[in-house]
C-alpha atoms as a PDB file:
ATOM      1  CA  GLY A   1      -2.913   1.236 -10.485  1.00  0.00           C
ATOM      2  CA  THR A   2      -4.233   1.732 -14.385  1.00  0.00           C
ATOM      3  CA  ALA A   3      -8.030   2.374 -16.442  1.00  0.00           C
ATOM      4  CA  GLU A   4      -6.140   0.003 -18.822  1.00  0.00           C
ATOM      5  CA  PHE A   5      -7.087  -3.719 -19.080  1.00  0.00           C
ATOM      6  CA  TRP A   6      -6.990  -6.481 -21.892  1.00  0.00           C
ATOM      7  CA  ASN A   7      -9.380  -5.717 -25.453  1.00  0.00           C
ATOM      8  CA  SER A   8     -10.602  -2.532 -22.952  1.00  0.00           C
ATOM      9  CA  ASP A   9     -12.357  -4.574 -21.197  1.00  0.00           C
ATOM     10  CA  PRO A  10     -12.667  -4.220 -17.564  1.00  0.00           C
ATOM     11  CA  SER A  11     -14.569  -7.242 -16.797  1.00  0.00           C
ATOM     12  CA  SER A  12     -11.438  -9.370 -18.173  1.00  0.00           C
ATOM     13  CA  GLY A  13     -10.261  -9.466 -14.530  1.00  0.00           C
ATOM     14  CA  TRP A  14      -6.499  -8.855 -16.648  1.00  0.00           C
ATOM     15  CA  ASN A  15      -5.815  -5.555 -15.547  1.00  0.00           C
ATOM     16  CA  TYR A  16      -2.136  -3.827 -17.454  1.00  0.00           C
ATOM     17  CA  GLU A  17       0.450  -2.836 -15.012  1.00  0.00           C
ATOM     18  CA  ALA A  18       2.216   0.609 -15.533  1.00  0.00           C
ATOM     19  CA  LEU A  19       5.799  -0.099 -15.784  1.00  0.00           C
ATOM     20  CA  SER A  20       5.409  -3.565 -16.855  1.00  0.00           C
ATOM     21  CA  GLY A  21       6.824  -1.630 -20.919  1.00  0.00           C
ATOM     22  CA  LYS A  22       3.889  -3.788 -22.545  1.00  0.00           C
ATOM     23  CA  ILE A  23       1.646  -0.178 -22.850  1.00  0.00           C
ATOM     24  CA  ASN A  24       2.385   3.150 -24.182  1.00  0.00           C
ATOM     25  CA  LEU A  25       1.565   5.491 -21.017  1.00  0.00           C
ATOM     26  CA  GLY A  26       3.822   8.314 -21.796  1.00  0.00           C
ATOM     27  CA  ILE A  27       5.614   7.399 -18.323  1.00  0.00           C
ATOM     28  CA  ASP A  28       8.571   9.414 -17.666  1.00  0.00           C
ATOM     29  CA  GLN A  29      11.820   9.428 -15.694  1.00  0.00           C
ATOM     30  CA  ASN A  30      10.465  10.067 -12.811  1.00  0.00           C
ATOM     31  CA  HIS A  31       7.476   6.374 -13.445  1.00  0.00           C
ATOM     32  CA  ALA A  32       4.641   9.403 -13.745  1.00  0.00           C
ATOM     33  CA  HIS A  33       2.724  10.874 -15.983  1.00  0.00           C
ATOM     34  CA  VAL A  34      -0.673  13.101 -16.517  1.00  0.00           C
ATOM     35  CA  GLN A  35      -4.203  11.464 -16.445  1.00  0.00           C
ATOM     36  CA  PRO A  36      -6.782  13.235 -18.594  1.00  0.00           C
ATOM     37  CA  SER A  37      -7.460  15.440 -15.937  1.00  0.00           C
ATOM     38  CA  GLY A  38      -4.601  17.156 -16.185  1.00  0.00           C
ATOM     39  CA  ALA A  39      -3.121  15.471 -12.777  1.00  0.00           C
ATOM     40  CA  TYR A  40       0.354  15.309 -12.681  1.00  0.00           C
ATOM     41  CA  HIS A  41       0.427  11.196 -10.755  1.00  0.00           C
ATOM     42  CA  TYR A  42       3.424   8.617 -10.190  1.00  0.00           C
ATOM     43  CA  HIS A  43       3.034   4.397 -10.586  1.00  0.00           C
ATOM     44  CA  GLY A  44       6.562   4.084  -9.572  1.00  0.00           C
ATOM     45  CA  ILE A  45       9.743   5.803  -7.319  1.00  0.00           C
ATOM     46  CA  PRO A  46       9.804   9.406  -7.078  1.00  0.00           C
ATOM     47  CA  ALA A  47      13.440   9.977  -9.267  1.00  0.00           C
ATOM     48  CA  GLY A  48      13.473  12.826  -9.450  1.00  0.00           C
ATOM     49  CA  LEU A  49      12.080  13.894  -5.425  1.00  0.00           C
ATOM     50  CA  LEU A  50      15.014  11.116  -4.335  1.00  0.00           C
ATOM     51  CA  ASN A  51      17.971  12.601  -6.004  1.00  0.00           C
ATOM     52  CA  LYS A  52      17.266  15.772  -4.066  1.00  0.00           C
ATOM     53  CA  LYS A  53      16.552  14.479  -0.582  1.00  0.00           C
ATOM     54  CA  ASN A  54      20.714  13.335  -1.715  1.00  0.00           C
ATOM     55  CA  SER A  55      20.409  11.431   1.685  1.00  0.00           C
ATOM     56  CA  LYS A  56      21.093   7.348   1.760  1.00  0.00           C
ATOM     57  CA  ALA A  57      18.095   6.813   5.552  1.00  0.00           C
ATOM     58  CA  PRO A  58      14.786   5.814   4.658  1.00  0.00           C
ATOM     59  CA  ALA A  59      13.390   8.679   3.080  1.00  0.00           C
ATOM     60  CA  LEU A  60      10.145  10.365   4.191  1.00  0.00           C
ATOM     61  CA  ILE A  61       7.547  10.419   0.590  1.00  0.00           C
ATOM     62  CA  GLY A  62       4.659  11.103   2.315  1.00  0.00           C
ATOM     63  CA  TYR A  63       1.511  10.188   3.869  1.00  0.00           C
ATOM     64  CA  ALA A  64      -1.369   7.133   2.669  1.00  0.00           C
ATOM     65  CA  ALA A  65      -5.033   8.697   2.822  1.00  0.00           C
ATOM     66  CA  ASP A  66      -4.777   6.055   6.532  1.00  0.00           C
ATOM     67  CA  GLY A  67      -2.449   8.034   7.877  1.00  0.00           C
ATOM     68  CA  PHE A  68       0.126   5.971   7.617  1.00  0.00           C
ATOM     69  CA  PRO A  69       3.533   7.422   6.445  1.00  0.00           C
ATOM     70  CA  ILE A  70       5.167   6.386   2.864  1.00  0.00           C
ATOM     71  CA  TYR A  71       9.057   5.948   2.416  1.00  0.00           C
ATOM     72  CA  PHE A  72      11.554   5.273  -0.547  1.00  0.00           C
ATOM     73  CA  SER A  73      14.345   2.851   1.947  1.00  0.00           C
ATOM     74  CA  ARG A  74      16.414   0.588  -0.691  1.00  0.00           C
ATOM     75  CA  GLY A  75      16.669  -2.333   2.615  1.00  0.00           C
ATOM     76  CA  ALA A  76      13.024  -2.549   1.307  1.00  0.00           C
ATOM     77  CA  LYS A  77      12.643  -6.193  -0.711  1.00  0.00           C
ATOM     78  CA  SER A  78       8.578  -6.270  -1.563  1.00  0.00           C
ATOM     79  CA  SER A  79       7.711  -9.852  -1.181  1.00  0.00           C
ATOM     80  CA  TYR A  80       5.351 -10.143  -4.405  1.00  0.00           C
ATOM     81  CA  GLN A  81       6.667 -12.843  -6.981  1.00  0.00           C
ATOM     82  CA  LEU A  82       5.980 -13.848 -10.890  1.00  0.00           C
ATOM     83  CA  LYS A  83       3.787 -16.570 -10.676  1.00  0.00           C
ATOM     84  CA  LYS A  84       4.556 -19.906 -12.732  1.00  0.00           C
ATOM     85  CA  GLY A  85       3.196 -21.191 -15.875  1.00  0.00           C
ATOM     86  CA  THR A  86       0.219 -19.731 -18.359  1.00  0.00           C
ATOM     87  CA  ARG A  87      -3.259 -17.800 -18.135  1.00  0.00           C
ATOM     88  CA  PRO A  88      -5.847 -19.925 -17.299  1.00  0.00           C
ATOM     89  CA  SER A  89      -8.343 -17.293 -20.076  1.00  0.00           C
ATOM     90  CA  GLY A  90      -7.846 -13.871 -21.601  1.00  0.00           C
ATOM     91  CA  PRO A  91      -4.522 -12.724 -22.900  1.00  0.00           C
ATOM     92  CA  ARG A  92      -3.151 -16.356 -21.690  1.00  0.00           C
ATOM     93  CA  GLY A  93       0.522 -16.522 -21.916  1.00  0.00           C
ATOM     94  CA  SER A  94       2.683 -16.996 -19.540  1.00  0.00           C
ATOM     95  CA  TYR A  95       2.879 -14.934 -17.014  1.00  0.00           C
ATOM     96  CA  ASP A  96       5.084 -12.415 -17.220  1.00  0.00           C
ATOM     97  CA  GLY A  97       4.400  -8.479 -15.804  1.00  0.00           C
ATOM     98  CA  SER A  98       1.871  -7.470 -18.450  1.00  0.00           C
ATOM     99  CA  PHE A  99      -0.448  -7.168 -15.950  1.00  0.00           C
ATOM    100  CA  VAL A 100      -1.113  -6.507 -12.161  1.00  0.00           C
ATOM    101  CA  GLN A 101      -2.603 -10.147 -11.820  1.00  0.00           C
ATOM    102  CA  ASP A 102       0.364 -12.029 -12.996  1.00  0.00           C
ATOM    103  CA  TYR A 103       1.299 -10.939  -9.512  1.00  0.00           C
ATOM    104  CA  GLU A 104       0.798 -12.659  -6.652  1.00  0.00           C
ATOM    105  CA  TYR A 105       1.917 -12.397  -2.787  1.00  0.00           C
ATOM    106  CA  ALA A 106       4.169 -14.555  -1.128  1.00  0.00           C
ATOM    107  CA  ALA A 107       5.226 -14.510   2.771  1.00  0.00           C
ATOM    108  CA  GLY A 108       8.470 -14.026   3.659  1.00  0.00           C
ATOM    109  CA  SER A 109      10.344 -13.772   0.613  1.00  0.00           C
ATOM    110  CA  GLY A 110      10.645 -10.335   0.847  1.00  0.00           C
ATOM    111  CA  ASN A 111      11.292  -8.715   3.654  1.00  0.00           C
ATOM    112  CA  LEU A 112       7.182  -6.680   3.346  1.00  0.00           C
ATOM    113  CA  ASP A 113       3.477  -7.446   3.827  1.00  0.00           C
ATOM    114  CA  GLU A 114       0.881  -7.967   1.664  1.00  0.00           C
ATOM    115  CA  CYS A 115       0.611  -4.039   1.636  1.00  0.00           C
ATOM    116  CA  ASN A 116       4.259  -3.467   0.965  1.00  0.00           C
ATOM    117  CA  GLY A 117       5.033  -2.593   4.609  1.00  0.00           C
ATOM    118  CA  SER A 118       5.955  -3.032   7.944  1.00  0.00           C
ATOM    119  CA  THR A 119       6.227  -1.537  11.589  1.00  0.00           C
ATOM    120  CA  GLY A 120      10.089  -0.392  12.729  1.00  0.00           C
ATOM    121  CA  ALA A 121      11.853   3.018  13.794  1.00  0.00           C
ATOM    122  CA  THR A 122      12.129   5.441  11.057  1.00  0.00           C
ATOM    123  CA  PRO A 123      14.448   9.383  10.352  1.00  0.00           C
ATOM    124  CA  GLU A 124      10.454  10.530  11.675  1.00  0.00           C
ATOM    125  CA  TYR A 125       9.856   7.411  13.859  1.00  0.00           C
ATOM    126  CA  PRO A 126      12.672   5.972  15.759  1.00  0.00           C
ATOM    127  CA  ALA A 127       9.970   4.734  18.555  1.00  0.00           C
ATOM    128  CA  GLY A 128       8.939   2.761  15.863  1.00  0.00           C
ATOM    129  CA  ILE A 129       5.606   2.500  13.369  1.00  0.00           C
ATOM    130  CA  TYR A 130       3.398   1.423  10.303  1.00  0.00           C
ATOM    131  CA  HIS A 131       5.185   2.643   6.729  1.00  0.00           C
ATOM    132  CA  TYR A 132       4.858   1.435   3.953  1.00  0.00           C
ATOM    133  CA  CYS A 133       7.331   1.914   0.572  1.00  0.00           C
ATOM    134  CA  LEU A 134       8.097   1.899  -2.515  1.00  0.00           C
ATOM    135  CA  THR A 135      10.031  -0.174  -4.141  1.00  0.00           C
ATOM    136  CA  GLU A 136      11.442  -0.834  -7.353  1.00  0.00           C
ATOM    137  CA  THR A 137       9.284  -4.031  -8.384  1.00  0.00           C
ATOM    138  CA  PHE A 138       6.494  -4.467  -8.722  1.00  0.00           C
ATOM    139  CA  PRO A 139       3.610  -3.957  -5.943  1.00  0.00           C
ATOM    140  CA  PHE A 140       6.465  -0.177  -6.892  1.00  0.00           C
ATOM    141  CA  VAL A 141       3.225   1.797  -5.166  1.00  0.00           C
ATOM    142  CA  PRO A 142       1.173   0.368  -2.448  1.00  0.00           C
ATOM    143  CA  ARG A 143      -1.818  -1.449  -3.814  1.00  0.00           C
ATOM    144  CA  CYS A 144      -3.825  -2.006  -0.031  1.00  0.00           C
ATOM    145  CA  LEU A 145      -4.067   0.064   2.543  1.00  0.00           C
ATOM    146  CA  LYS A 146      -3.286  -1.503   5.968  1.00  0.00           C
ATOM    147  CA  GLY A 147      -5.795   1.352   8.474  1.00  0.00           C
ATOM    148  CA  ALA A 148      -8.543   2.497   7.527  1.00  0.00           C
ATOM    149  CA  PRO A 149      -8.726   5.955   4.554  1.00  0.00           C
ATOM    150  CA  ASP A 150      -9.864   9.512   6.115  1.00  0.00           C
ATOM    151  CA  ALA A 151     -13.490   9.675   4.263  1.00  0.00           C
ATOM    152  CA  SER A 152     -11.950  13.183   2.420  1.00  0.00           C
ATOM    153  CA  PHE A 153      -9.548  10.925   0.077  1.00  0.00           C
ATOM    154  CA  ARG A 154     -12.917   9.396  -0.498  1.00  0.00           C
ATOM    155  CA  LYS A 155     -14.445  10.430  -4.504  1.00  0.00           C
ATOM    156  CA  THR A 156     -17.790  11.860  -5.567  1.00  0.00           C
ATOM    157  CA  GLN A 157     -18.213  10.193  -9.226  1.00  0.00           C
ATOM    158  CA  PRO A 158     -20.707   9.848 -10.116  1.00  0.00           C
ATOM    159  CA  HIS A 159     -19.768   7.497 -13.903  1.00  0.00           C
ATOM    160  CA  GLY A 160     -18.032   5.709 -11.526  1.00  0.00           C
ATOM    161  CA  GLY A 161     -14.937   7.406 -12.447  1.00  0.00           C
ATOM    162  CA  GLY A 162     -11.807   6.932 -10.730  1.00  0.00           C
ATOM    163  CA  ALA A 163      -8.246   8.872 -10.476  1.00  0.00           C
ATOM    164  CA  GLU A 164      -7.779   7.583 -14.167  1.00  0.00           C
ATOM    165  CA  GLY A 165      -8.992   7.479 -17.670  1.00  0.00           C
ATOM    166  CA  GLY A 166     -12.649   6.127 -15.031  1.00  0.00           C
ATOM    167  CA  ARG A 167     -11.397   3.748 -12.486  1.00  0.00           C
ATOM    168  CA  SER A 168     -11.414   2.890  -9.182  1.00  0.00           C
ATOM    169  CA  PRO A 169      -7.868   2.241  -7.843  1.00  0.00           C
ATOM    170  CA  MET A 170      -6.659  -1.191  -6.620  1.00  0.00           C
ATOM    171  CA  ARG A 171      -6.928  -1.469  -3.315  1.00  0.00           C
ATOM    172  CA  GLY A 172      -6.973  -4.861  -0.549  1.00  0.00           C
ATOM    173  CA  THR A 173      -9.272  -5.673   1.659  1.00  0.00           C
ATOM    174  CA  THR A 174      -7.832  -4.567   4.459  1.00  0.00           C
ATOM    175  CA  GLY A 175      -9.122  -0.825   4.234  1.00  0.00           C
ATOM    176  CA  ALA A 176     -12.575  -2.348   5.626  1.00  0.00           C
ATOM    177  CA  PRO A 177     -13.641  -1.757   8.336  1.00  0.00           C
ATOM    178  CA  PRO A 178     -13.245  -5.208  10.816  1.00  0.00           C
ATOM    179  CA  PRO A 179     -15.577  -7.550  11.944  1.00  0.00           C
ATOM    180  CA  PRO A 180     -17.632  -7.522  14.504  1.00  0.00           C
ATOM    181  CA  GLY A 181     -15.716  -8.586  17.011  1.00  0.00           C
ATOM    182  CA  ARG A 182     -12.101  -8.128  15.775  1.00  0.00           C
ATOM    183  CA  PRO A 183     -10.099  -4.818  16.756  1.00  0.00           C
ATOM    184  CA  PRO A 184      -9.281  -2.046  14.684  1.00  0.00           C
ATOM    185  CA  HIS A 185      -6.455  -2.683  11.942  1.00  0.00           C
ATOM    186  CA  GLU A 186      -4.117   0.080  13.521  1.00  0.00           C
ATOM    187  CA  ALA A 187      -5.102  -1.684  16.927  1.00  0.00           C
ATOM    188  CA  MET A 188      -3.435  -5.197  15.113  1.00  0.00           C
ATOM    189  CA  SER A 189      -0.157  -3.169  12.915  1.00  0.00           C
ATOM    190  CA  ALA A 190       0.842  -1.208  16.422  1.00  0.00           C
ATOM    191  CA  CYS A 191       1.667  -4.834  17.854  1.00  0.00           C
ATOM    192  CA  SER A 192       3.358  -6.422  14.908  1.00  0.00           C
ATOM    193  CA  GLY A 193       6.773  -7.597  15.386  1.00  0.00           C
ATOM    194  CA  LYS A 194       5.776  -6.662  19.263  1.00  0.00           C
ATOM    195  CA  ASN A 195       5.783  -9.230  22.055  1.00  0.00           C
ATOM    196  CA  GLU A 196       2.709  -9.037  24.313  1.00  0.00           C
ATOM    197  CA  GLY A 197       3.349  -6.311  27.338  1.00  0.00           C
ATOM    198  CA  ALA A 198       5.270  -4.141  25.171  1.00  0.00           C
ATOM    199  CA  SER A 199       3.985  -0.700  25.188  1.00  0.00           C
ATOM    200  CA  CYS A 200       2.607   0.737  22.254  1.00  0.00           C
ATOM    201  CA  GLY A 201      -0.122   3.238  20.339  1.00  0.00           C
ATOM    202  CA  PHE A 202      -1.712   4.344  16.969  1.00  0.00           C
ATOM    203  CA  GLN A 203      -3.514   7.218  15.404  1.00  0.00           C
ATOM    204  CA  SER A 204      -7.651   6.551  16.218  1.00  0.00           C
ATOM    205  CA  PRO A 205     -10.347   9.282  15.016  1.00  0.00           C
ATOM    206  CA  HIS A 206      -9.905  11.183  18.020  1.00  0.00           C
ATOM    207  CA  GLY A 207      -6.756  11.420  18.624  1.00  0.00           C
ATOM    208  CA  VAL A 208      -3.310   9.073  19.143  1.00  0.00           C
ATOM    209  CA  LEU A 209      -4.135   6.455  21.532  1.00  0.00           C
ATOM    210  CA  ALA A 210      -1.065   4.641  24.006  1.00  0.00           C
ATOM    211  CA  GLY A 211      -1.321   1.509  25.042  1.00  0.00           C
ATOM    212  CA  ILE A 212      -0.216  -1.699  26.121  1.00  0.00           C
ATOM    213  CA  CYS A 213       0.182  -5.096  23.886  1.00  0.00           C
ATOM    214  CA  ARG A 214      -1.987  -7.709  24.864  1.00  0.00           C
ATOM    215  CA  VAL A 215      -3.465 -10.790  23.307  1.00  0.00           C
ATOM    216  CA  VAL A 216      -7.260 -10.648  22.960  1.00  0.00           C
ATOM    217  CA  PRO A 217     -10.410 -12.858  22.828  1.00  0.00           C
ATOM    218  CA  SER A 218     -10.329 -12.683  18.345  1.00  0.00           C
ATOM    219  CA  GLY A 219      -7.131 -14.831  19.665  1.00  0.00           C
ATOM    220  CA  GLU A 220      -5.459 -11.715  18.054  1.00  0.00           C
ATOM    221  CA  LYS A 221      -2.750  -9.233  19.516  1.00  0.00           C
ATOM    222  CA  ALA A 222      -3.517  -6.808  19.422  1.00  0.00           C
ATOM    223  CA  CYS A 223      -2.521  -2.112  20.702  1.00  0.00           C
ATOM    224  CA  VAL A 224      -5.256  -2.067  23.990  1.00  0.00           C
ATOM    225  CA  PRO A 225      -5.809   1.415  24.548  1.00  0.00           C
ATOM    226  CA  SER A 226      -4.844   2.443  28.525  1.00  0.00           C
ATOM    227  CA  GLY A 227      -5.042   5.944  29.205  1.00  0.00           C
ATOM    228  CA  HIS A 228      -6.997   8.672  27.446  1.00  0.00           C
ATOM    229  CA  PRO A 229      -6.315   9.640  23.464  1.00  0.00           C
ATOM    230  CA  ARG A 230      -3.967  12.482  23.304  1.00  0.00           C
ATOM    231  CA  ALA A 231      -4.266  15.055  20.303  1.00  0.00           C
END
């Protein structure tokens, strides 16, 4: 996300999209730029890195704060679409992609979920794993987390500042602790697309837990541990 808002007002609810072409952030050929602190960071696909990898297979880019891998795959298609009509407030005008809020998640319109991820086999994880994907269309880089981010990624910001220009990155609600009675997000993600009774595993704070996909009391399918954690 960016720290640029309509009329420079964060309370407006209209956050400029970095790769919209409507604002000049000095984005280079790698869809990246240098933030005020001097750190170089990406807002989209790292083209130079992918050119060096020179692989047609899904390319492992890195890992998210919750431990799940991040890939670029040409077969990945975002499920976000431009809204139809005009903005009801703020900048008004037609939804044209200038703002993050111009888009909405349309389940099934692509092959990725609301966090731009899916579960499946990858070169590094042939047995299958939940993974995020970078895409050539919005959201480009995932905007929410499926699992709980490690505490080491939490920034200390006495003035409420974030990574760029003083505001926290946009996050979805999926990274929050699950409500009482619900299994962890990681346990549910581990069984996404799997039948009941299938083997599964997920990363917990205590190590990797192996188990079986079961329907739990909340009515959801989740990976129920069948043994002790392995480091």
